[in-house]
């Protein structure tokens, strides 16, 4: 079984409200066994014109586990808290 990753590039537009998202998303990650590989931190572009602002990388044991996290009631609550506080770009990636 392959691991899976959720990669997010976030443009935060309301830091105070986004703090609520962080609280709820942290609870969802813990409930669904996400391994936090990256959550914020300095970004240096090495090639191309990509200019990410806030990068998050989560590791899951499988695609099914990652999808279960994303579709969970816990993460749904986090997404609702984030509404209007950030522009989210998120992908699910199958690992090796």
PDB file of N, CA and C in Angstrom:
ATOM      1  N   UNK A   1       0.848  -1.175   0.000  1.00  0.00           N
ATOM      2  CA  UNK A   1       0.000   0.000   0.000  1.00  0.00           C
ATOM      3  C   UNK A   1       0.896   1.242   0.000  1.00  0.00           C
ATOM      4  N   UNK A   2       0.576   2.197  -0.859  1.00  0.00           N
ATOM      5  CA  UNK A   2       1.345   3.436  -0.984  1.00  0.00           C
ATOM      6  C   UNK A   2       0.884   4.468   0.028  1.00  0.00           C
ATOM      7  N   UNK A   3       1.819   5.272   0.470  1.00  0.00           N
ATOM      8  CA  UNK A   3       1.449   6.411   1.303  1.00  0.00           C
ATOM      9  C   UNK A   3       0.780   7.458   0.429  1.00  0.00           C
ATOM     10  N   UNK A   4       0.241   8.483   1.057  1.00  0.00           N
ATOM     11  CA  UNK A   4      -0.402   9.571   0.327  1.00  0.00           C
ATOM     12  C   UNK A   4      -0.100  10.874   1.041  1.00  0.00           C
ATOM     13  N   UNK A   5      -0.110  11.939   0.274  1.00  0.00           N
ATOM     14  CA  UNK A   5       0.209  13.253   0.811  1.00  0.00           C
ATOM     15  C   UNK A   5      -0.870  14.247   0.410  1.00  0.00           C
ATOM     16  N   UNK A   6      -1.161  15.161   1.302  1.00  0.00           N
ATOM     17  CA  UNK A   6      -1.967  16.329   0.966  1.00  0.00           C
ATOM     18  C   UNK A   6      -1.012  17.510   1.010  1.00  0.00           C
ATOM     19  N   UNK A   7      -0.946  18.215  -0.115  1.00  0.00           N
ATOM     20  CA  UNK A   7      -0.090  19.387  -0.244  1.00  0.00           C
ATOM     21  C   UNK A   7      -0.994  20.594  -0.425  1.00  0.00           C
ATOM     22  N   UNK A   8      -0.793  21.599   0.409  1.00  0.00           N
ATOM     23  CA  UNK A   8      -1.613  22.809   0.337  1.00  0.00           C
ATOM     24  C   UNK A   8      -0.728  24.042   0.223  1.00  0.00           C
ATOM     25  N   UNK A   9      -1.172  24.962  -0.606  1.00  0.00           N
ATOM     26  CA  UNK A   9      -0.575  26.287  -0.716  1.00  0.00           C
ATOM     27  C   UNK A   9      -1.666  27.258  -0.294  1.00  0.00           C
ATOM     28  N   UNK A  10      -1.403  28.019   0.751  1.00  0.00           N
ATOM     29  CA  UNK A  10      -2.436  28.846   1.365  1.00  0.00           C
ATOM     30  C   UNK A  10      -2.049  30.319   1.309  1.00  0.00           C
ATOM     31  N   UNK A  11      -2.989  31.125   0.864  1.00  0.00           N
ATOM     32  CA  UNK A  11      -2.838  32.578   0.935  1.00  0.00           C
ATOM     33  C   UNK A  11      -3.794  33.049   2.021  1.00  0.00           C
ATOM     34  N   UNK A  12      -3.255  33.397   3.167  1.00  0.00           N
ATOM     35  CA  UNK A  12      -4.065  33.811   4.306  1.00  0.00           C
ATOM     36  C   UNK A  12      -4.478  35.268   4.117  1.00  0.00           C
ATOM     37  N   UNK A  13      -5.788  35.529   4.186  1.00  0.00           N
ATOM     38  CA  UNK A  13      -6.306  36.885   4.022  1.00  0.00           C
ATOM     39  C   UNK A  13      -6.826  37.480   5.330  1.00  0.00           C
ATOM     40  N   UNK A  14      -7.099  36.613   6.319  1.00  0.00           N
ATOM     41  CA  UNK A  14      -7.568  37.074   7.628  1.00  0.00           C
ATOM     42  C   UNK A  14      -6.876  36.207   8.687  1.00  0.00           C
ATOM     43  N   UNK A  15      -5.727  36.641   9.178  1.00  0.00           N
ATOM     44  CA  UNK A  15      -4.949  35.818  10.112  1.00  0.00           C
ATOM     45  C   UNK A  15      -5.690  35.449  11.398  1.00  0.00           C
ATOM     46  N   UNK A  16      -6.506  36.341  11.916  1.00  0.00           N
ATOM     47  CA  UNK A  16      -7.231  36.041  13.156  1.00  0.00           C
ATOM     48  C   UNK A  16      -8.209  34.896  12.923  1.00  0.00           C
ATOM     49  N   UNK A  17      -9.021  35.011  11.898  1.00  0.00           N
ATOM     50  CA  UNK A  17      -9.987  33.954  11.579  1.00  0.00           C
ATOM     51  C   UNK A  17      -9.261  32.676  11.184  1.00  0.00           C
ATOM     52  N   UNK A  18      -8.148  32.785  10.478  1.00  0.00           N
ATOM     53  CA  UNK A  18      -7.386  31.609  10.067  1.00  0.00           C
ATOM     54  C   UNK A  18      -6.872  30.834  11.287  1.00  0.00           C
ATOM     55  N   UNK A  19      -6.642  31.530  12.381  1.00  0.00           N
ATOM     56  CA  UNK A  19      -6.250  30.863  13.617  1.00  0.00           C
ATOM     57  C   UNK A  19      -7.281  29.848  14.081  1.00  0.00           C
ATOM     58  N   UNK A  20      -8.547  30.141  13.864  1.00  0.00           N
ATOM     59  CA  UNK A  20      -9.616  29.186  14.195  1.00  0.00           C
ATOM     60  C   UNK A  20      -9.512  27.957  13.301  1.00  0.00           C
ATOM     61  N   UNK A  21      -9.229  28.165  12.029  1.00  0.00           N
ATOM     62  CA  UNK A  21      -9.030  27.041  11.103  1.00  0.00           C
ATOM     63  C   UNK A  21      -7.883  26.163  11.593  1.00  0.00           C
ATOM     64  N   UNK A  22      -6.784  26.776  11.988  1.00  0.00           N
ATOM     65  CA  UNK A  22      -5.631  26.009  12.467  1.00  0.00           C
ATOM     66  C   UNK A  22      -6.027  25.137  13.657  1.00  0.00           C
ATOM     67  N   UNK A  23      -6.806  25.699  14.565  1.00  0.00           N
ATOM     68  CA  UNK A  23      -7.242  24.936  15.740  1.00  0.00           C
ATOM     69  C   UNK A  23      -8.043  23.707  15.316  1.00  0.00           C
ATOM     70  N   UNK A  24      -9.049  23.906  14.472  1.00  0.00           N
ATOM     71  CA  UNK A  24      -9.898  22.791  14.061  1.00  0.00           C
ATOM     72  C   UNK A  24      -9.175  21.814  13.133  1.00  0.00           C
ATOM     73  N   UNK A  25      -8.345  22.319  12.251  1.00  0.00           N
ATOM     74  CA  UNK A  25      -7.627  21.416  11.349  1.00  0.00           C
ATOM     75  C   UNK A  25      -6.614  20.577  12.125  1.00  0.00           C
ATOM     76  N   UNK A  26      -6.012  21.141  13.157  1.00  0.00           N
ATOM     77  CA  UNK A  26      -5.084  20.374  14.001  1.00  0.00           C
ATOM     78  C   UNK A  26      -5.801  19.210  14.677  1.00  0.00           C
ATOM     79  N   UNK A  27      -7.001  19.470  15.157  1.00  0.00           N
ATOM     80  CA  UNK A  27      -7.796  18.404  15.774  1.00  0.00           C
ATOM     81  C   UNK A  27      -8.133  17.324  14.752  1.00  0.00           C
ATOM     82  N   UNK A  28      -8.485  17.730  13.536  1.00  0.00           N
ATOM     83  CA  UNK A  28      -8.811  16.766  12.483  1.00  0.00           C
ATOM     84  C   UNK A  28      -7.583  15.937  12.101  1.00  0.00           C
ATOM     85  N   UNK A  29      -6.429  16.593  12.003  1.00  0.00           N
ATOM     86  CA  UNK A  29      -5.199  15.867  11.671  1.00  0.00           C
ATOM     87  C   UNK A  29      -4.895  14.817  12.729  1.00  0.00           C
ATOM     88  N   UNK A  30      -5.022  15.199  13.981  1.00  0.00           N
ATOM     89  CA  UNK A  30      -4.751  14.267  15.073  1.00  0.00           C
ATOM     90  C   UNK A  30      -5.736  13.103  15.043  1.00  0.00           C
ATOM     91  N   UNK A  31      -6.997  13.383  14.812  1.00  0.00           N
ATOM     92  CA  UNK A  31      -8.027  12.345  14.796  1.00  0.00           C
ATOM     93  C   UNK A  31      -7.835  11.356  13.651  1.00  0.00           C
ATOM     94  N   UNK A  32      -7.187  11.791  12.574  1.00  0.00           N
ATOM     95  CA  UNK A  32      -7.056  10.942  11.385  1.00  0.00           C
ATOM     96  C   UNK A  32      -5.623  10.508  11.108  1.00  0.00           C
ATOM     97  N   UNK A  33      -4.765  10.667  12.080  1.00  0.00           N
ATOM     98  CA  UNK A  33      -3.413  10.122  11.976  1.00  0.00           C
ATOM     99  C   UNK A  33      -2.519  10.776  10.950  1.00  0.00           C
ATOM    100  N   UNK A  34      -2.740  12.047  10.667  1.00  0.00           N
ATOM    101  CA  UNK A  34      -1.880  12.750   9.710  1.00  0.00           C
ATOM    102  C   UNK A  34      -0.512  12.989  10.329  1.00  0.00           C
ATOM    103  N   UNK A  35       0.512  12.762   9.544  1.00  0.00           N
ATOM    104  CA  UNK A  35       1.871  13.124   9.956  1.00  0.00           C
ATOM    105  C   UNK A  35       2.169  14.485   9.333  1.00  0.00           C
ATOM    106  N   UNK A  36       2.415  15.470  10.155  1.00  0.00           N
ATOM    107  CA  UNK A  36       2.691  16.811   9.652  1.00  0.00           C
ATOM    108  C   UNK A  36       4.163  16.872   9.243  1.00  0.00           C
ATOM    109  N   UNK A  37       4.403  17.021   7.945  1.00  0.00           N
ATOM    110  CA  UNK A  37       5.766  17.121   7.421  1.00  0.00           C
ATOM    111  C   UNK A  37       6.195  18.576   7.317  1.00  0.00           C
ATOM    112  N   UNK A  38       5.280  19.432   6.888  1.00  0.00           N
ATOM    113  CA  UNK A  38       5.538  20.870   6.739  1.00  0.00           C
ATOM    114  C   UNK A  38       4.274  21.598   7.138  1.00  0.00           C
ATOM    115  N   UNK A  39       4.442  22.670   7.902  1.00  0.00           N
ATOM    116  CA  UNK A  39       3.285  23.507   8.246  1.00  0.00           C
ATOM    117  C   UNK A  39       3.794  24.924   8.438  1.00  0.00           C
ATOM    118  N   UNK A  40       3.778  25.666   7.338  1.00  0.00           N
ATOM    119  CA  UNK A  40       4.335  27.015   7.373  1.00  0.00           C
ATOM    120  C   UNK A  40       5.842  26.922   7.195  1.00  0.00           C
ATOM    121  N   UNK A  41       6.537  27.887   7.670  1.00  0.00           N
ATOM    122  CA  UNK A  41       7.988  27.881   7.556  1.00  0.00           C
ATOM    123  C   UNK A  41       8.461  28.611   6.313  1.00  0.00           C
ATOM    124  N   UNK A  42       9.742  28.844   6.272  1.00  0.00           N
ATOM    125  CA  UNK A  42      10.349  29.583   5.174  1.00  0.00           C
ATOM    126  C   UNK A  42      10.274  28.778   3.874  1.00  0.00           C
ATOM    127  N   UNK A  43       9.960  29.467   2.790  1.00  0.00           N
ATOM    128  CA  UNK A  43       9.904  28.861   1.457  1.00  0.00           C
ATOM    129  C   UNK A  43      10.894  29.581   0.565  1.00  0.00           C
ATOM    130  N   UNK A  44      11.680  28.827  -0.157  1.00  0.00           N
ATOM    131  CA  UNK A  44      12.619  29.390  -1.125  1.00  0.00           C
ATOM    132  C   UNK A  44      12.354  28.731  -2.469  1.00  0.00           C
ATOM    133  N   UNK A  45      11.968  29.512  -3.460  1.00  0.00           N
ATOM    134  CA  UNK A  45      11.708  28.984  -4.794  1.00  0.00           C
ATOM    135  C   UNK A  45      13.050  28.723  -5.471  1.00  0.00           C
ATOM    136  N   UNK A  46      13.230  27.502  -5.950  1.00  0.00           N
ATOM    137  CA  UNK A  46      14.468  27.127  -6.625  1.00  0.00           C
ATOM    138  C   UNK A  46      14.350  27.215  -8.140  1.00  0.00           C
ATOM    139  N   UNK A  47      13.159  26.950  -8.671  1.00  0.00           N
ATOM    140  CA  UNK A  47      12.932  27.050 -10.112  1.00  0.00           C
ATOM    141  C   UNK A  47      11.491  27.453 -10.370  1.00  0.00           C
ATOM    142  N   UNK A  48      11.280  28.086 -11.494  1.00  0.00           N
ATOM    143  CA  UNK A  48       9.932  28.422 -11.923  1.00  0.00           C
ATOM    144  C   UNK A  48       9.395  29.686 -11.286  1.00  0.00           C
ATOM    145  N   UNK A  49       8.112  29.937 -11.574  1.00  0.00           N
ATOM    146  CA  UNK A  49       7.484  31.176 -11.119  1.00  0.00           C
ATOM    147  C   UNK A  49       6.474  30.934  -9.996  1.00  0.00           C
ATOM    148  N   UNK A  50       6.555  29.789  -9.366  1.00  0.00           N
ATOM    149  CA  UNK A  50       5.661  29.476  -8.261  1.00  0.00           C
ATOM    150  C   UNK A  50       6.061  30.323  -7.066  1.00  0.00           C
ATOM    151  N   UNK A  51       5.107  30.965  -6.435  1.00  0.00           N
ATOM    152  CA  UNK A  51       5.401  31.821  -5.279  1.00  0.00           C
ATOM    153  C   UNK A  51       4.461  31.458  -4.129  1.00  0.00           C
ATOM    154  N   UNK A  52       4.655  30.291  -3.533  1.00  0.00           N
ATOM    155  CA  UNK A  52       3.766  29.899  -2.433  1.00  0.00           C
ATOM    156  C   UNK A  52       3.945  30.799  -1.227  1.00  0.00           C
ATOM    157  N   UNK A  53       2.859  30.990  -0.493  1.00  0.00           N
ATOM    158  CA  UNK A  53       2.912  31.829   0.704  1.00  0.00           C
ATOM    159  C   UNK A  53       3.039  30.983   1.965  1.00  0.00           C
ATOM    160  N   UNK A  54       2.120  30.067   2.148  1.00  0.00           N
ATOM    161  CA  UNK A  54       2.147  29.163   3.306  1.00  0.00           C
ATOM    162  C   UNK A  54       1.947  27.764   2.761  1.00  0.00           C
ATOM    163  N   UNK A  55       2.899  26.897   3.002  1.00  0.00           N
ATOM    164  CA  UNK A  55       2.841  25.534   2.479  1.00  0.00           C
ATOM    165  C   UNK A  55       2.600  24.568   3.634  1.00  0.00           C
ATOM    166  N   UNK A  56       1.707  23.609   3.386  1.00  0.00           N
ATOM    167  CA  UNK A  56       1.431  22.552   4.347  1.00  0.00           C
ATOM    168  C   UNK A  56       1.553  21.227   3.609  1.00  0.00           C
ATOM    169  N   UNK A  57       2.253  20.270   4.216  1.00  0.00           N
ATOM    170  CA  UNK A  57       2.396  18.937   3.644  1.00  0.00           C
ATOM    171  C   UNK A  57       2.078  17.921   4.732  1.00  0.00           C
ATOM    172  N   UNK A  58       1.039  17.119   4.482  1.00  0.00           N
ATOM    173  CA  UNK A  58       0.609  16.091   5.419  1.00  0.00           C
ATOM    174  C   UNK A  58       0.819  14.725   4.794  1.00  0.00           C
ATOM    175  N   UNK A  59       1.262  13.762   5.579  1.00  0.00           N
ATOM    176  CA  UNK A  59       1.452  12.394   5.102  1.00  0.00           C
ATOM    177  C   UNK A  59       0.429  11.485   5.762  1.00  0.00           C
ATOM    178  N   UNK A  60      -0.140  10.589   4.958  1.00  0.00           N
ATOM    179  CA  UNK A  60      -1.111   9.606   5.424  1.00  0.00           C
ATOM    180  C   UNK A  60      -0.666   8.218   4.986  1.00  0.00           C
ATOM    181  N   UNK A  61      -1.111   7.178   5.653  1.00  0.00           N
ATOM    182  CA  UNK A  61      -0.685   5.832   5.278  1.00  0.00           C
ATOM    183  C   UNK A  61      -1.247   5.336   3.942  1.00  0.00           C
ATOM    184  N   UNK A  62      -2.298   5.991   3.440  1.00  0.00           N
ATOM    185  CA  UNK A  62      -2.916   5.556   2.180  1.00  0.00           C
ATOM    186  C   UNK A  62      -3.757   6.678   1.593  1.00  0.00           C
ATOM    187  N   UNK A  63      -4.122   6.510   0.316  1.00  0.00           N
ATOM    188  CA  UNK A  63      -5.043   7.462  -0.310  1.00  0.00           C
ATOM    189  C   UNK A  63      -6.379   7.463   0.413  1.00  0.00           C
ATOM    190  N   UNK A  64      -6.842   6.286   0.800  1.00  0.00           N
ATOM    191  CA  UNK A  64      -8.138   6.190   1.491  1.00  0.00           C
ATOM    192  C   UNK A  64      -8.103   6.958   2.813  1.00  0.00           C
ATOM    193  N   UNK A  65      -7.001   6.872   3.538  1.00  0.00           N
ATOM    194  CA  UNK A  65      -6.884   7.587   4.819  1.00  0.00           C
ATOM    195  C   UNK A  65      -6.873   9.100   4.602  1.00  0.00           C
ATOM    196  N   UNK A  66      -6.187   9.544   3.554  1.00  0.00           N
ATOM    197  CA  UNK A  66      -6.143  10.980   3.254  1.00  0.00           C
ATOM    198  C   UNK A  66      -7.524  11.490   2.858  1.00  0.00           C
ATOM    199  N   UNK A  67      -8.228  10.715   2.039  1.00  0.00           N
ATOM    200  CA  UNK A  67      -9.579  11.121   1.639  1.00  0.00           C
ATOM    201  C   UNK A  67     -10.529  11.110   2.827  1.00  0.00           C
ATOM    202  N   UNK A  68     -10.368  10.128   3.721  1.00  0.00           N
ATOM    203  CA  UNK A  68     -11.221  10.068   4.916  1.00  0.00           C
ATOM    204  C   UNK A  68     -11.004  11.297   5.781  1.00  0.00           C
ATOM    205  N   UNK A  69      -9.751  11.740   5.902  1.00  0.00           N
ATOM    206  CA  UNK A  69      -9.460  12.975   6.638  1.00  0.00           C
ATOM    207  C   UNK A  69     -10.169  14.151   5.985  1.00  0.00           C
ATOM    208  N   UNK A  70      -9.977  14.305   4.668  1.00  0.00           N
ATOM    209  CA  UNK A  70     -10.534  15.462   3.967  1.00  0.00           C
ATOM    210  C   UNK A  70     -12.062  15.503   4.038  1.00  0.00           C
ATOM    211  N   UNK A  71     -12.684  14.341   3.974  1.00  0.00           N
ATOM    212  CA  UNK A  71     -14.147  14.254   3.953  1.00  0.00           C
ATOM    213  C   UNK A  71     -14.761  14.139   5.349  1.00  0.00           C
ATOM    214  N   UNK A  72     -13.950  14.160   6.387  1.00  0.00           N
ATOM    215  CA  UNK A  72     -14.430  13.937   7.751  1.00  0.00           C
ATOM    216  C   UNK A  72     -15.221  15.131   8.292  1.00  0.00           C
ATOM    217  N   UNK A  73     -16.098  14.870   9.252  1.00  0.00           N
ATOM    218  CA  UNK A  73     -16.810  15.964   9.918  1.00  0.00           C
ATOM    219  C   UNK A  73     -15.840  16.931  10.616  1.00  0.00           C
ATOM    220  N   UNK A  74     -14.739  16.394  11.145  1.00  0.00           N
ATOM    221  CA  UNK A  74     -13.764  17.241  11.834  1.00  0.00           C
ATOM    222  C   UNK A  74     -13.133  18.249  10.876  1.00  0.00           C
ATOM    223  N   UNK A  75     -12.750  17.773   9.691  1.00  0.00           N
ATOM    224  CA  UNK A  75     -12.124  18.703   8.746  1.00  0.00           C
ATOM    225  C   UNK A  75     -13.164  19.615   8.094  1.00  0.00           C
ATOM    226  N   UNK A  76     -14.386  19.137   7.973  1.00  0.00           N
ATOM    227  CA  UNK A  76     -15.465  19.988   7.465  1.00  0.00           C
ATOM    228  C   UNK A  76     -15.647  21.203   8.377  1.00  0.00           C
ATOM    229  N   UNK A  77     -15.553  20.983   9.676  1.00  0.00           N
ATOM    230  CA  UNK A  77     -15.655  22.088  10.637  1.00  0.00           C
ATOM    231  C   UNK A  77     -14.494  23.069  10.431  1.00  0.00           C
ATOM    232  N   UNK A  78     -13.302  22.543  10.157  1.00  0.00           N
ATOM    233  CA  UNK A  78     -12.143  23.406   9.906  1.00  0.00           C
ATOM    234  C   UNK A  78     -12.352  24.228   8.639  1.00  0.00           C
ATOM    235  N   UNK A  79     -12.841  23.588   7.575  1.00  0.00           N
ATOM    236  CA  UNK A  79     -13.084  24.313   6.316  1.00  0.00           C
ATOM    237  C   UNK A  79     -14.105  25.429   6.520  1.00  0.00           C
ATOM    238  N   UNK A  80     -15.140  25.167   7.298  1.00  0.00           N
ATOM    239  CA  UNK A  80     -16.138  26.198   7.571  1.00  0.00           C
ATOM    240  C   UNK A  80     -15.508  27.368   8.325  1.00  0.00           C
ATOM    241  N   UNK A  81     -14.614  27.064   9.259  1.00  0.00           N
ATOM    242  CA  UNK A  81     -13.940  28.127  10.017  1.00  0.00           C
ATOM    243  C   UNK A  81     -13.013  28.944   9.117  1.00  0.00           C
ATOM    244  N   UNK A  82     -12.507  28.334   8.067  1.00  0.00           N
ATOM    245  CA  UNK A  82     -11.567  28.997   7.157  1.00  0.00           C
ATOM    246  C   UNK A  82     -12.276  29.863   6.113  1.00  0.00           C
ATOM    247  N   UNK A  83     -13.548  29.636   5.881  1.00  0.00           N
ATOM    248  CA  UNK A  83     -14.281  30.333   4.817  1.00  0.00           C
ATOM    249  C   UNK A  83     -14.098  31.844   4.929  1.00  0.00           C
ATOM    250  N   UNK A  84     -13.578  32.443   3.858  1.00  0.00           N
ATOM    251  CA  UNK A  84     -13.359  33.875   3.820  1.00  0.00           C
ATOM    252  C   UNK A  84     -12.059  34.337   4.463  1.00  0.00           C
ATOM    253  N   UNK A  85     -11.288  33.399   5.040  1.00  0.00           N
ATOM    254  CA  UNK A  85     -10.051  33.769   5.731  1.00  0.00           C
ATOM    255  C   UNK A  85      -8.801  33.408   4.944  1.00  0.00           C
ATOM    256  N   UNK A  86      -8.982  32.647   3.842  1.00  0.00           N
ATOM    257  CA  UNK A  86      -7.809  32.212   3.078  1.00  0.00           C
ATOM    258  C   UNK A  86      -8.231  31.707   1.708  1.00  0.00           C
ATOM    259  N   UNK A  87      -7.284  31.762   0.786  1.00  0.00           N
ATOM    260  CA  UNK A  87      -7.438  31.119  -0.515  1.00  0.00           C
ATOM    261  C   UNK A  87      -6.622  29.835  -0.422  1.00  0.00           C
ATOM    262  N   UNK A  88      -7.305  28.696  -0.567  1.00  0.00           N
ATOM    263  CA  UNK A  88      -6.668  27.392  -0.385  1.00  0.00           C
ATOM    264  C   UNK A  88      -6.513  26.706  -1.739  1.00  0.00           C
ATOM    265  N   UNK A  89      -5.323  26.218  -1.991  1.00  0.00           N
ATOM    266  CA  UNK A  89      -5.053  25.349  -3.140  1.00  0.00           C
ATOM    267  C   UNK A  89      -4.512  24.060  -2.551  1.00  0.00           C
ATOM    268  N   UNK A  90      -5.193  22.949  -2.815  1.00  0.00           N
ATOM    269  CA  UNK A  90      -4.857  21.690  -2.144  1.00  0.00           C
ATOM    270  C   UNK A  90      -4.928  20.545  -3.141  1.00  0.00           C
ATOM    271  N   UNK A  91      -3.944  19.655  -3.072  1.00  0.00           N
ATOM    272  CA  UNK A  91      -3.944  18.471  -3.924  1.00  0.00           C
ATOM    273  C   UNK A  91      -3.659  17.233  -3.074  1.00  0.00           C
ATOM    274  N   UNK A  92      -4.153  16.112  -3.552  1.00  0.00           N
ATOM    275  CA  UNK A  92      -3.879  14.804  -2.972  1.00  0.00           C
ATOM    276  C   UNK A  92      -2.901  14.105  -3.898  1.00  0.00           C
ATOM    277  N   UNK A  93      -1.804  13.612  -3.351  1.00  0.00           N
ATOM    278  CA  UNK A  93      -0.743  13.011  -4.154  1.00  0.00           C
ATOM    279  C   UNK A  93      -0.479  11.599  -3.658  1.00  0.00           C
ATOM    280  N   UNK A  94      -0.479  10.640  -4.572  1.00  0.00           N
ATOM    281  CA  UNK A  94      -0.123   9.263  -4.212  1.00  0.00           C
ATOM    282  C   UNK A  94       1.386   9.176  -4.041  1.00  0.00           C
ATOM    283  N   UNK A  95       1.820   8.582  -2.950  1.00  0.00           N
ATOM    284  CA  UNK A  95       3.246   8.425  -2.681  1.00  0.00           C
ATOM    285  C   UNK A  95       3.773   7.094  -3.166  1.00  0.00           C
ATOM    286  N   UNK A  96       4.974   6.779  -2.741  1.00  0.00           N
ATOM    287  CA  UNK A  96       5.605   5.510  -3.140  1.00  0.00           C
ATOM    288  C   UNK A  96       5.722   4.595  -1.945  1.00  0.00           C
TER     289      UNK A  96
END
